[in-house]
Amino acid sequence: MIRPADSMETNAAWADAVARRDAPTLIVVSRQKTTEIPRPAVFDAGDLLRGGYVAAEASRAPDVLMIATGSEVGPALEARKLL
C-alpha cells in the first residue's frame, strides 16, 4: 500500500505499481487538494519508495515527534511551524 502526500509521490507510486509484477499494489489517494511538500535540491526521488522518510528535521531536541502519511503530511508540516 502506498499513500502519497503530493504529486511527486503519486508519480513515484504509479511508476512503482506499473513496474511491480510479483504482487498487487494499492495506491490510496485523497480527493482533497494537497500541497507540494518542500524538498531539498539534493533530494533523491528514489527515497519516496523506501516506505518513509524525514520531511523536516528538528532544529533542536524535539519535545514532540509527528508522524504523518498521505494528505496529512502538508498539515503536519504547517503545524510544525506553530510548535
C-alpha atoms as a PDB file:
ATOM      1  CA  MET A   1       0.000   0.000   0.000  1.00  0.00           C
ATOM      2  CA  ILE A   2       1.288   3.439  -0.914  1.00  0.00           C
ATOM      3  CA  ARG A   3      -0.258   6.619   0.471  1.00  0.00           C
ATOM      4  CA  PRO A   4       1.320   9.524  -1.437  1.00  0.00           C
ATOM      5  CA  ALA A   5       1.429  13.031   0.049  1.00  0.00           C
ATOM      6  CA  ASP A   6       1.752  15.056  -3.169  1.00  0.00           C
ATOM      7  CA  SER A   7       2.121  14.776  -6.939  1.00  0.00           C
ATOM      8  CA  MET A   8       5.789  13.741  -6.822  1.00  0.00           C
ATOM      9  CA  GLU A   9       4.964  10.850  -4.505  1.00  0.00           C
ATOM     10  CA  THR A  10       1.934   9.911  -6.618  1.00  0.00           C
ATOM     11  CA  ASN A  11       4.110   9.754  -9.746  1.00  0.00           C
ATOM     12  CA  ALA A  12       6.666   7.566  -7.944  1.00  0.00           C
ATOM     13  CA  ALA A  13       3.887   5.308  -6.626  1.00  0.00           C
ATOM     14  CA  TRP A  14       2.385   4.892 -10.098  1.00  0.00           C
ATOM     15  CA  ALA A  15       5.776   4.049 -11.626  1.00  0.00           C
ATOM     16  CA  ASP A  16       6.419   1.510  -8.858  1.00  0.00           C
ATOM     17  CA  ALA A  17       2.964  -0.061  -9.290  1.00  0.00           C
ATOM     18  CA  VAL A  18       3.365  -0.404 -13.049  1.00  0.00           C
ATOM     19  CA  ALA A  19       6.835  -1.960 -12.664  1.00  0.00           C
ATOM     20  CA  ARG A  20       5.790  -4.424  -9.937  1.00  0.00           C
ATOM     21  CA  ARG A  21       4.949  -7.812 -11.453  1.00  0.00           C
ATOM     22  CA  ASP A  22       5.056 -10.105  -8.424  1.00  0.00           C
ATOM     23  CA  ALA A  23       2.465  -8.545  -6.116  1.00  0.00           C
ATOM     24  CA  PRO A  24      -0.539  -6.224  -6.151  1.00  0.00           C
ATOM     25  CA  THR A  25      -0.189  -2.539  -5.328  1.00  0.00           C
ATOM     26  CA  LEU A  26      -2.737  -0.290  -3.659  1.00  0.00           C
ATOM     27  CA  ILE A  27      -2.326   3.464  -4.104  1.00  0.00           C
ATOM     28  CA  VAL A  28      -4.511   5.385  -1.635  1.00  0.00           C
ATOM     29  CA  VAL A  29      -5.093   8.986  -2.682  1.00  0.00           C
ATOM     30  CA  SER A  30      -7.228  11.800  -1.332  1.00  0.00           C
ATOM     31  CA  ARG A  31      -9.885  13.822  -3.095  1.00  0.00           C
ATOM     32  CA  GLN A  32      -8.875  16.920  -1.164  1.00  0.00           C
ATOM     33  CA  LYS A  33      -6.304  19.296  -2.545  1.00  0.00           C
ATOM     34  CA  THR A  34      -2.817  18.687  -1.188  1.00  0.00           C
ATOM     35  CA  THR A  35       0.186  20.977  -1.151  1.00  0.00           C
ATOM     36  CA  GLU A  36       3.512  20.071  -2.689  1.00  0.00           C
ATOM     37  CA  ILE A  37       5.928  19.001   0.021  1.00  0.00           C
ATOM     38  CA  PRO A  38       9.075  21.172   0.048  1.00  0.00           C
ATOM     39  CA  ARG A  39      12.177  19.072  -0.534  1.00  0.00           C
ATOM     40  CA  PRO A  40      15.862  19.998  -0.634  1.00  0.00           C
ATOM     41  CA  ALA A  41      17.526  20.394  -4.043  1.00  0.00           C
ATOM     42  CA  VAL A  42      19.587  17.257  -3.379  1.00  0.00           C
ATOM     43  CA  PHE A  43      16.514  15.105  -2.623  1.00  0.00           C
ATOM     44  CA  ASP A  44      16.682  11.649  -4.210  1.00  0.00           C
ATOM     45  CA  ALA A  45      13.265  10.709  -5.652  1.00  0.00           C
ATOM     46  CA  GLY A  46      14.166   7.058  -5.007  1.00  0.00           C
ATOM     47  CA  ASP A  47      13.741   7.826  -1.293  1.00  0.00           C
ATOM     48  CA  LEU A  48       9.993   8.089  -1.902  1.00  0.00           C
ATOM     49  CA  LEU A  49       9.776   4.321  -2.331  1.00  0.00           C
ATOM     50  CA  ARG A  50      11.671   3.414   0.860  1.00  0.00           C
ATOM     51  CA  GLY A  51       8.455   3.354   2.844  1.00  0.00           C
ATOM     52  CA  GLY A  52       9.072   6.559   4.762  1.00  0.00           C
ATOM     53  CA  TYR A  53      11.417   9.499   5.063  1.00  0.00           C
ATOM     54  CA  VAL A  54      12.003  12.568   7.225  1.00  0.00           C
ATOM     55  CA  ALA A  55      10.178  15.532   5.681  1.00  0.00           C
ATOM     56  CA  ALA A  56      11.592  18.059   8.185  1.00  0.00           C
ATOM     57  CA  GLU A  57      14.352  17.773  10.761  1.00  0.00           C
ATOM     58  CA  ALA A  58      14.084  19.332  14.214  1.00  0.00           C
ATOM     59  CA  SER A  59      16.207  22.423  14.795  1.00  0.00           C
ATOM     60  CA  ARG A  60      16.695  21.386  18.455  1.00  0.00           C
ATOM     61  CA  ALA A  61      15.918  18.414  20.677  1.00  0.00           C
ATOM     62  CA  PRO A  62      12.244  17.756  19.902  1.00  0.00           C
ATOM     63  CA  ASP A  63       9.505  17.719  22.530  1.00  0.00           C
ATOM     64  CA  VAL A  64       7.109  16.079  20.070  1.00  0.00           C
ATOM     65  CA  LEU A  65       7.518  13.615  17.237  1.00  0.00           C
ATOM     66  CA  MET A  66       4.957  13.998  14.469  1.00  0.00           C
ATOM     67  CA  ILE A  67       4.324  11.196  12.006  1.00  0.00           C
ATOM     68  CA  ALA A  68       2.035  11.738   9.030  1.00  0.00           C
ATOM     69  CA  THR A  69       1.133   9.977   5.813  1.00  0.00           C
ATOM     70  CA  GLY A  70      -0.666  10.953   2.651  1.00  0.00           C
ATOM     71  CA  SER A  71      -2.731  14.118   2.735  1.00  0.00           C
ATOM     72  CA  GLU A  72      -1.846  14.728   6.407  1.00  0.00           C
ATOM     73  CA  VAL A  73       1.836  15.461   5.651  1.00  0.00           C
ATOM     74  CA  GLY A  74       1.160  19.039   4.495  1.00  0.00           C
ATOM     75  CA  PRO A  75      -0.900  19.991   7.581  1.00  0.00           C
ATOM     76  CA  ALA A  76       1.692  18.311   9.839  1.00  0.00           C
ATOM     77  CA  LEU A  77       4.434  20.455   8.300  1.00  0.00           C
ATOM     78  CA  GLU A  78       2.280  23.558   8.847  1.00  0.00           C
ATOM     79  CA  ALA A  79       1.665  22.534  12.489  1.00  0.00           C
ATOM     80  CA  ARG A  80       5.434  22.153  12.916  1.00  0.00           C
ATOM     81  CA  LYS A  81       5.821  25.868  12.195  1.00  0.00           C
ATOM     82  CA  LEU A  82       3.472  26.679  15.083  1.00  0.00           C
ATOM     83  CA  LEU A  83       5.240  24.493  17.644  1.00  0.00           C
END
